[in-house]
PDB file of N, CA and C in Angstrom:
ATOM      1  N   UNK A   1     -79.255 -68.587 -41.739  1.00  0.00           N
ATOM      2  CA  UNK A   1     -79.526 -68.356 -43.668  1.00  0.00           C
ATOM      3  C   UNK A   1     -79.027 -67.607 -43.941  1.00  0.00           C
ATOM      4  N   UNK A   2     -78.116 -67.605 -44.934  1.00  0.00           N
ATOM      5  CA  UNK A   2     -77.304 -66.551 -45.850  1.00  0.00           C
ATOM      6  C   UNK A   2     -78.089 -64.652 -46.376  1.00  0.00           C
ATOM      7  N   UNK A   3     -77.529 -64.049 -45.235  1.00  0.00           N
ATOM      8  CA  UNK A   3     -78.204 -62.887 -46.058  1.00  0.00           C
ATOM      9  C   UNK A   3     -77.966 -62.144 -47.840  1.00  0.00           C
ATOM     10  N   UNK A   4     -76.973 -62.810 -47.908  1.00  0.00           N
ATOM     11  CA  UNK A   4     -76.207 -62.298 -49.275  1.00  0.00           C
ATOM     12  C   UNK A   4     -76.667 -63.358 -50.497  1.00  0.00           C
ATOM     13  N   UNK A   5     -77.090 -63.220 -51.597  1.00  0.00           N
ATOM     14  CA  UNK A   5     -76.834 -63.870 -52.501  1.00  0.00           C
ATOM     15  C   UNK A   5     -76.532 -63.443 -53.947  1.00  0.00           C
ATOM     16  N   UNK A   6     -75.719 -64.131 -54.732  1.00  0.00           N
ATOM     17  CA  UNK A   6     -75.032 -64.372 -55.914  1.00  0.00           C
ATOM     18  C   UNK A   6     -75.902 -65.598 -56.892  1.00  0.00           C
ATOM     19  N   UNK A   7     -77.332 -65.335 -56.945  1.00  0.00           N
ATOM     20  CA  UNK A   7     -77.778 -66.385 -58.216  1.00  0.00           C
ATOM     21  C   UNK A   7     -77.362 -65.880 -59.319  1.00  0.00           C
ATOM     22  N   UNK A   8     -77.728 -64.947 -59.677  1.00  0.00           N
ATOM     23  CA  UNK A   8     -77.991 -64.582 -60.986  1.00  0.00           C
ATOM     24  C   UNK A   8     -76.659 -65.080 -61.951  1.00  0.00           C
ATOM     25  N   UNK A   9     -75.797 -65.002 -61.559  1.00  0.00           N
ATOM     26  CA  UNK A   9     -74.829 -65.725 -62.314  1.00  0.00           C
ATOM     27  C   UNK A   9     -74.128 -66.910 -62.109  1.00  0.00           C
ATOM     28  N   UNK A  10     -75.305 -67.695 -61.228  1.00  0.00           N
ATOM     29  CA  UNK A  10     -75.249 -69.144 -61.750  1.00  0.00           C
ATOM     30  C   UNK A  10     -76.416 -69.429 -62.653  1.00  0.00           C
ATOM     31  N   UNK A  11     -77.291 -68.866 -62.839  1.00  0.00           N
ATOM     32  CA  UNK A  11     -78.335 -68.921 -63.530  1.00  0.00           C
ATOM     33  C   UNK A  11     -78.449 -68.637 -64.708  1.00  0.00           C
ATOM     34  N   UNK A  12     -78.073 -67.882 -65.395  1.00  0.00           N
ATOM     35  CA  UNK A  12     -78.007 -66.682 -66.546  1.00  0.00           C
ATOM     36  C   UNK A  12     -77.507 -67.416 -67.874  1.00  0.00           C
ATOM     37  N   UNK A  13     -78.114 -67.920 -68.796  1.00  0.00           N
ATOM     38  CA  UNK A  13     -77.321 -68.328 -69.590  1.00  0.00           C
ATOM     39  C   UNK A  13     -77.285 -67.656 -71.127  1.00  0.00           C
ATOM     40  N   UNK A  14     -77.834 -66.394 -71.284  1.00  0.00           N
ATOM     41  CA  UNK A  14     -77.751 -65.530 -72.406  1.00  0.00           C
ATOM     42  C   UNK A  14     -76.556 -64.856 -72.784  1.00  0.00           C
ATOM     43  N   UNK A  15     -76.715 -63.726 -73.298  1.00  0.00           N
ATOM     44  CA  UNK A  15     -75.762 -63.376 -74.419  1.00  0.00           C
ATOM     45  C   UNK A  15     -75.087 -62.291 -73.325  1.00  0.00           C
ATOM     46  N   UNK A  16     -73.464 -62.370 -73.337  1.00  0.00           N
ATOM     47  CA  UNK A  16     -73.057 -61.531 -72.731  1.00  0.00           C
ATOM     48  C   UNK A  16     -72.584 -60.409 -73.399  1.00  0.00           C
ATOM     49  N   UNK A  17     -72.093 -58.949 -73.332  1.00  0.00           N
ATOM     50  CA  UNK A  17     -71.366 -58.344 -73.756  1.00  0.00           C
ATOM     51  C   UNK A  17     -72.009 -56.730 -73.676  1.00  0.00           C
ATOM     52  N   UNK A  18     -71.313 -56.080 -73.232  1.00  0.00           N
ATOM     53  CA  UNK A  18     -71.462 -54.405 -72.904  1.00  0.00           C
ATOM     54  C   UNK A  18     -71.230 -53.877 -74.634  1.00  0.00           C
ATOM     55  N   UNK A  19     -72.466 -52.882 -74.635  1.00  0.00           N
ATOM     56  CA  UNK A  19     -72.260 -52.529 -75.708  1.00  0.00           C
ATOM     57  C   UNK A  19     -73.202 -52.369 -76.550  1.00  0.00           C
ATOM     58  N   UNK A  20     -74.241 -52.971 -76.741  1.00  0.00           N
ATOM     59  CA  UNK A  20     -75.079 -53.468 -77.585  1.00  0.00           C
ATOM     60  C   UNK A  20     -76.390 -52.741 -77.372  1.00  0.00           C
ATOM     61  N   UNK A  21     -77.389 -52.874 -76.242  1.00  0.00           N
ATOM     62  CA  UNK A  21     -78.641 -52.719 -75.635  1.00  0.00           C
ATOM     63  C   UNK A  21     -78.525 -52.441 -74.165  1.00  0.00           C
ATOM     64  N   UNK A  22     -79.466 -51.642 -73.621  1.00  0.00           N
ATOM     65  CA  UNK A  22     -79.469 -51.382 -72.549  1.00  0.00           C
ATOM     66  C   UNK A  22     -79.480 -53.045 -71.320  1.00  0.00           C
ATOM     67  N   UNK A  23     -80.506 -53.890 -71.874  1.00  0.00           N
ATOM     68  CA  UNK A  23     -80.769 -54.876 -71.259  1.00  0.00           C
ATOM     69  C   UNK A  23     -79.280 -55.959 -71.451  1.00  0.00           C
ATOM     70  N   UNK A  24     -78.653 -56.246 -72.545  1.00  0.00           N
ATOM     71  CA  UNK A  24     -77.387 -56.670 -72.272  1.00  0.00           C
ATOM     72  C   UNK A  24     -76.963 -56.385 -71.727  1.00  0.00           C
ATOM     73  N   UNK A  25     -76.633 -54.976 -71.614  1.00  0.00           N
ATOM     74  CA  UNK A  25     -75.461 -54.075 -70.564  1.00  0.00           C
ATOM     75  C   UNK A  25     -75.813 -54.663 -69.197  1.00  0.00           C
ATOM     76  N   UNK A  26     -77.089 -54.560 -68.914  1.00  0.00           N
ATOM     77  CA  UNK A  26     -77.557 -54.606 -67.097  1.00  0.00           C
ATOM     78  C   UNK A  26     -77.178 -56.017 -67.257  1.00  0.00           C
ATOM     79  N   UNK A  27     -77.493 -57.151 -67.909  1.00  0.00           N
ATOM     80  CA  UNK A  27     -77.290 -58.053 -67.554  1.00  0.00           C
ATOM     81  C   UNK A  27     -75.726 -58.619 -67.586  1.00  0.00           C
ATOM     82  N   UNK A  28     -74.782 -57.639 -68.125  1.00  0.00           N
ATOM     83  CA  UNK A  28     -73.216 -58.519 -68.196  1.00  0.00           C
ATOM     84  C   UNK A  28     -72.701 -57.333 -67.144  1.00  0.00           C
ATOM     85  N   UNK A  29     -72.696 -56.496 -66.769  1.00  0.00           N
ATOM     86  CA  UNK A  29     -72.583 -56.236 -65.426  1.00  0.00           C
ATOM     87  C   UNK A  29     -73.128 -56.819 -64.287  1.00  0.00           C
ATOM     88  N   UNK A  30     -74.587 -57.232 -64.119  1.00  0.00           N
ATOM     89  CA  UNK A  30     -74.880 -58.185 -63.336  1.00  0.00           C
ATOM     90  C   UNK A  30     -73.660 -59.318 -62.892  1.00  0.00           C
ATOM     91  N   UNK A  31     -73.414 -60.033 -64.130  1.00  0.00           N
ATOM     92  CA  UNK A  31     -72.391 -60.881 -63.831  1.00  0.00           C
ATOM     93  C   UNK A  31     -71.168 -60.761 -63.949  1.00  0.00           C
ATOM     94  N   UNK A  32     -71.103 -59.906 -64.535  1.00  0.00           N
ATOM     95  CA  UNK A  32     -69.280 -59.176 -64.003  1.00  0.00           C
ATOM     96  C   UNK A  32     -69.134 -59.249 -62.838  1.00  0.00           C
ATOM     97  N   UNK A  33     -70.031 -58.196 -62.083  1.00  0.00           N
ATOM     98  CA  UNK A  33     -69.901 -57.922 -60.545  1.00  0.00           C
ATOM     99  C   UNK A  33     -70.221 -59.072 -59.216  1.00  0.00           C
ATOM    100  N   UNK A  34     -71.001 -59.795 -59.842  1.00  0.00           N
ATOM    101  CA  UNK A  34     -71.173 -61.120 -59.293  1.00  0.00           C
ATOM    102  C   UNK A  34     -70.001 -62.147 -59.119  1.00  0.00           C
ATOM    103  N   UNK A  35     -69.727 -62.010 -60.551  1.00  0.00           N
ATOM    104  CA  UNK A  35     -68.217 -63.256 -60.360  1.00  0.00           C
ATOM    105  C   UNK A  35     -67.375 -61.673 -59.509  1.00  0.00           C
ATOM    106  N   UNK A  36     -66.700 -61.175 -59.732  1.00  0.00           N
ATOM    107  CA  UNK A  36     -65.943 -60.053 -59.461  1.00  0.00           C
ATOM    108  C   UNK A  36     -66.246 -60.109 -57.844  1.00  0.00           C
ATOM    109  N   UNK A  37     -67.281 -60.317 -57.440  1.00  0.00           N
ATOM    110  CA  UNK A  37     -67.207 -60.384 -55.383  1.00  0.00           C
ATOM    111  C   UNK A  37     -66.456 -61.231 -55.095  1.00  0.00           C
ATOM    112  N   UNK A  38     -66.523 -62.924 -56.098  1.00  0.00           N
ATOM    113  CA  UNK A  38     -66.168 -63.949 -55.408  1.00  0.00           C
ATOM    114  C   UNK A  38     -65.372 -64.238 -54.577  1.00  0.00           C
ATOM    115  N   UNK A  39     -65.664 -64.436 -53.503  1.00  0.00           N
ATOM    116  CA  UNK A  39     -64.822 -64.884 -52.235  1.00  0.00           C
ATOM    117  C   UNK A  39     -62.902 -64.880 -52.703  1.00  0.00           C
ATOM    118  N   UNK A  40     -63.560 -66.422 -53.439  1.00  0.00           N
ATOM    119  CA  UNK A  40     -61.651 -66.663 -53.653  1.00  0.00           C
ATOM    120  C   UNK A  40     -60.910 -65.361 -54.990  1.00  0.00           C
ATOM    121  N   UNK A  41     -61.417 -64.632 -55.402  1.00  0.00           N
ATOM    122  CA  UNK A  41     -61.303 -63.912 -56.604  1.00  0.00           C
ATOM    123  C   UNK A  41     -60.788 -62.800 -55.290  1.00  0.00           C
ATOM    124  N   UNK A  42     -61.718 -62.502 -54.717  1.00  0.00           N
ATOM    125  CA  UNK A  42     -61.118 -61.006 -53.450  1.00  0.00           C
ATOM    126  C   UNK A  42     -60.109 -61.384 -52.600  1.00  0.00           C
ATOM    127  N   UNK A  43     -59.989 -62.939 -52.311  1.00  0.00           N
ATOM    128  CA  UNK A  43     -58.477 -62.814 -51.418  1.00  0.00           C
ATOM    129  C   UNK A  43     -57.572 -62.816 -52.687  1.00  0.00           C
ATOM    130  N   UNK A  44     -57.297 -62.879 -53.602  1.00  0.00           N
ATOM    131  CA  UNK A  44     -56.576 -62.704 -54.456  1.00  0.00           C
ATOM    132  C   UNK A  44     -55.939 -61.212 -55.060  1.00  0.00           C
ATOM    133  N   UNK A  45     -57.290 -60.398 -55.337  1.00  0.00           N
ATOM    134  CA  UNK A  45     -57.230 -59.499 -55.683  1.00  0.00           C
ATOM    135  C   UNK A  45     -56.906 -58.559 -54.929  1.00  0.00           C
ATOM    136  N   UNK A  46     -57.234 -58.544 -53.558  1.00  0.00           N
ATOM    137  CA  UNK A  46     -57.513 -57.132 -52.491  1.00  0.00           C
ATOM    138  C   UNK A  46     -55.843 -57.160 -52.204  1.00  0.00           C
ATOM    139  N   UNK A  47     -55.234 -58.321 -52.399  1.00  0.00           N
ATOM    140  CA  UNK A  47     -53.999 -58.010 -51.617  1.00  0.00           C
ATOM    141  C   UNK A  47     -52.839 -57.626 -52.629  1.00  0.00           C
ATOM    142  N   UNK A  48     -53.325 -57.504 -53.805  1.00  0.00           N
ATOM    143  CA  UNK A  48     -52.525 -56.993 -55.013  1.00  0.00           C
ATOM    144  C   UNK A  48     -52.996 -55.789 -55.199  1.00  0.00           C
ATOM    145  N   UNK A  49     -54.177 -55.543 -55.261  1.00  0.00           N
ATOM    146  CA  UNK A  49     -54.757 -53.972 -55.655  1.00  0.00           C
ATOM    147  C   UNK A  49     -53.931 -52.894 -54.283  1.00  0.00           C
ATOM    148  N   UNK A  50     -53.571 -51.603 -54.949  1.00  0.00           N
ATOM    149  CA  UNK A  50     -52.870 -50.546 -54.414  1.00  0.00           C
ATOM    150  C   UNK A  50     -53.451 -49.753 -53.276  1.00  0.00           C
ATOM    151  N   UNK A  51     -53.128 -48.853 -52.517  1.00  0.00           N
ATOM    152  CA  UNK A  51     -54.022 -48.206 -51.741  1.00  0.00           C
ATOM    153  C   UNK A  51     -55.379 -47.429 -52.356  1.00  0.00           C
ATOM    154  N   UNK A  52     -54.506 -46.809 -53.420  1.00  0.00           N
ATOM    155  CA  UNK A  52     -55.026 -45.772 -54.478  1.00  0.00           C
ATOM    156  C   UNK A  52     -56.610 -46.758 -55.334  1.00  0.00           C
ATOM    157  N   UNK A  53     -56.400 -47.949 -55.651  1.00  0.00           N
ATOM    158  CA  UNK A  53     -57.334 -48.918 -56.107  1.00  0.00           C
ATOM    159  C   UNK A  53     -58.050 -48.885 -55.424  1.00  0.00           C
ATOM    160  N   UNK A  54     -58.074 -49.413 -54.095  1.00  0.00           N
ATOM    161  CA  UNK A  54     -58.939 -49.800 -52.967  1.00  0.00           C
ATOM    162  C   UNK A  54     -59.992 -48.734 -53.206  1.00  0.00           C
ATOM    163  N   UNK A  55     -59.442 -47.629 -52.778  1.00  0.00           N
ATOM    164  CA  UNK A  55     -59.713 -46.166 -52.754  1.00  0.00           C
ATOM    165  C   UNK A  55     -60.392 -46.177 -53.685  1.00  0.00           C
ATOM    166  N   UNK A  56     -60.372 -46.515 -55.362  1.00  0.00           N
ATOM    167  CA  UNK A  56     -61.158 -46.075 -56.268  1.00  0.00           C
ATOM    168  C   UNK A  56     -62.462 -46.455 -56.611  1.00  0.00           C
ATOM    169  N   UNK A  57     -62.270 -48.427 -56.484  1.00  0.00           N
ATOM    170  CA  UNK A  57     -63.404 -49.260 -56.375  1.00  0.00           C
ATOM    171  C   UNK A  57     -63.957 -48.335 -54.970  1.00  0.00           C
ATOM    172  N   UNK A  58     -63.891 -48.337 -53.713  1.00  0.00           N
ATOM    173  CA  UNK A  58     -64.562 -47.658 -52.720  1.00  0.00           C
ATOM    174  C   UNK A  58     -65.396 -46.761 -52.998  1.00  0.00           C
ATOM    175  N   UNK A  59     -65.148 -45.977 -53.817  1.00  0.00           N
ATOM    176  CA  UNK A  59     -65.395 -44.498 -54.346  1.00  0.00           C
ATOM    177  C   UNK A  59     -66.291 -44.550 -55.131  1.00  0.00           C
ATOM    178  N   UNK A  60     -66.204 -45.453 -56.255  1.00  0.00           N
ATOM    179  CA  UNK A  60     -67.440 -45.565 -56.987  1.00  0.00           C
ATOM    180  C   UNK A  60     -68.636 -46.239 -56.246  1.00  0.00           C
ATOM    181  N   UNK A  61     -68.443 -47.163 -55.816  1.00  0.00           N
ATOM    182  CA  UNK A  61     -69.360 -48.229 -55.532  1.00  0.00           C
ATOM    183  C   UNK A  61     -70.447 -47.015 -54.493  1.00  0.00           C
ATOM    184  N   UNK A  62     -70.153 -46.189 -53.658  1.00  0.00           N
ATOM    185  CA  UNK A  62     -69.720 -45.389 -52.350  1.00  0.00           C
ATOM    186  C   UNK A  62     -71.026 -44.519 -53.218  1.00  0.00           C
ATOM    187  N   UNK A  63     -70.380 -44.040 -54.368  1.00  0.00           N
ATOM    188  CA  UNK A  63     -71.562 -43.221 -55.428  1.00  0.00           C
ATOM    189  C   UNK A  63     -72.363 -43.576 -55.948  1.00  0.00           C
ATOM    190  N   UNK A  64     -72.206 -45.077 -56.008  1.00  0.00           N
ATOM    191  CA  UNK A  64     -73.518 -45.444 -56.660  1.00  0.00           C
ATOM    192  C   UNK A  64     -74.589 -45.600 -55.557  1.00  0.00           C
ATOM    193  N   UNK A  65     -74.205 -46.271 -54.613  1.00  0.00           N
ATOM    194  CA  UNK A  65     -75.444 -46.561 -53.543  1.00  0.00           C
ATOM    195  C   UNK A  65     -75.552 -45.378 -53.583  1.00  0.00           C
ATOM    196  N   UNK A  66     -75.469 -43.835 -52.720  1.00  0.00           N
ATOM    197  CA  UNK A  66     -75.839 -42.968 -52.907  1.00  0.00           C
ATOM    198  C   UNK A  66     -76.838 -42.199 -53.788  1.00  0.00           C
ATOM    199  N   UNK A  67     -76.353 -42.548 -55.202  1.00  0.00           N
ATOM    200  CA  UNK A  67     -77.074 -41.629 -55.943  1.00  0.00           C
ATOM    201  C   UNK A  67     -77.737 -42.449 -56.535  1.00  0.00           C
ATOM    202  N   UNK A  68     -77.973 -43.601 -56.535  1.00  0.00           N
ATOM    203  CA  UNK A  68     -79.644 -44.200 -56.750  1.00  0.00           C
ATOM    204  C   UNK A  68     -80.193 -45.007 -55.647  1.00  0.00           C
ATOM    205  N   UNK A  69     -80.245 -45.384 -54.682  1.00  0.00           N
ATOM    206  CA  UNK A  69     -80.657 -45.538 -53.295  1.00  0.00           C
ATOM    207  C   UNK A  69     -81.369 -44.383 -52.394  1.00  0.00           C
ATOM    208  N   UNK A  70     -82.476 -44.733 -51.990  1.00  0.00           N
ATOM    209  CA  UNK A  70     -82.777 -43.969 -51.421  1.00  0.00           C
ATOM    210  C   UNK A  70     -82.165 -44.543 -49.321  1.00  0.00           C
ATOM    211  N   UNK A  71     -82.346 -43.700 -48.741  1.00  0.00           N
ATOM    212  CA  UNK A  71     -82.181 -43.955 -47.205  1.00  0.00           C
ATOM    213  C   UNK A  71     -82.432 -45.164 -46.653  1.00  0.00           C
ATOM    214  N   UNK A  72     -83.804 -45.341 -46.900  1.00  0.00           N
ATOM    215  CA  UNK A  72     -84.035 -46.604 -46.269  1.00  0.00           C
ATOM    216  C   UNK A  72     -83.630 -48.157 -47.313  1.00  0.00           C
ATOM    217  N   UNK A  73     -83.749 -48.695 -48.341  1.00  0.00           N
ATOM    218  CA  UNK A  73     -83.298 -48.918 -49.600  1.00  0.00           C
ATOM    219  C   UNK A  73     -81.991 -49.669 -49.185  1.00  0.00           C
ATOM    220  N   UNK A  74     -81.374 -48.316 -49.182  1.00  0.00           N
ATOM    221  CA  UNK A  74     -79.379 -48.444 -48.674  1.00  0.00           C
ATOM    222  C   UNK A  74     -79.549 -49.659 -47.063  1.00  0.00           C
ATOM    223  N   UNK A  75     -80.146 -48.976 -45.978  1.00  0.00           N
ATOM    224  CA  UNK A  75     -79.878 -50.127 -45.291  1.00  0.00           C
ATOM    225  C   UNK A  75     -81.003 -51.478 -45.610  1.00  0.00           C
ATOM    226  N   UNK A  76     -82.050 -51.407 -46.273  1.00  0.00           N
ATOM    227  CA  UNK A  76     -82.609 -52.830 -46.427  1.00  0.00           C
ATOM    228  C   UNK A  76     -81.844 -53.747 -47.575  1.00  0.00           C
ATOM    229  N   UNK A  77     -81.634 -53.075 -48.662  1.00  0.00           N
ATOM    230  CA  UNK A  77     -80.842 -53.831 -49.949  1.00  0.00           C
ATOM    231  C   UNK A  77     -79.822 -53.810 -49.526  1.00  0.00           C
ATOM    232  N   UNK A  78     -78.805 -53.122 -48.834  1.00  0.00           N
ATOM    233  CA  UNK A  78     -77.056 -53.074 -48.885  1.00  0.00           C
ATOM    234  C   UNK A  78     -76.658 -53.468 -47.712  1.00  0.00           C
ATOM    235  N   UNK A  79     -77.126 -52.816 -46.433  1.00  0.00           N
ATOM    236  CA  UNK A  79     -76.820 -53.403 -45.552  1.00  0.00           C
ATOM    237  C   UNK A  79     -77.368 -54.244 -44.684  1.00  0.00           C
ATOM    238  N   UNK A  80     -78.388 -55.146 -45.284  1.00  0.00           N
ATOM    239  CA  UNK A  80     -79.250 -56.117 -44.852  1.00  0.00           C
ATOM    240  C   UNK A  80     -79.657 -56.088 -43.781  1.00  0.00           C
ATOM    241  N   UNK A  81     -80.347 -54.594 -43.249  1.00  0.00           N
ATOM    242  CA  UNK A  81     -80.977 -54.301 -42.139  1.00  0.00           C
ATOM    243  C   UNK A  81     -82.140 -54.929 -41.964  1.00  0.00           C
ATOM    244  N   UNK A  82     -82.494 -55.262 -40.649  1.00  0.00           N
ATOM    245  CA  UNK A  82     -84.137 -56.098 -40.630  1.00  0.00           C
ATOM    246  C   UNK A  82     -85.215 -54.940 -40.190  1.00  0.00           C
ATOM    247  N   UNK A  83     -85.942 -54.707 -40.681  1.00  0.00           N
ATOM    248  CA  UNK A  83     -87.086 -53.997 -40.463  1.00  0.00           C
ATOM    249  C   UNK A  83     -87.254 -52.883 -39.424  1.00  0.00           C
TER     250      UNK A  83
END
């Protein structure tokens, strides 16, 4: 069974747009990030990104994980480690 899921992007049928209100921003970012992480897109975009581009994305994601997740949450939700 797969550990990762990207179901929100497949089922969301509401309004997308950034800057209107918090809930719409959250939904838009959720869809945007799931679409960005698509395997086919990653195969294409990663080969075109510079080392600086890749470092920037890595640093932003790492910063968000450290800022918003506790250590146990990091292991459970991001690393998908079991109990």
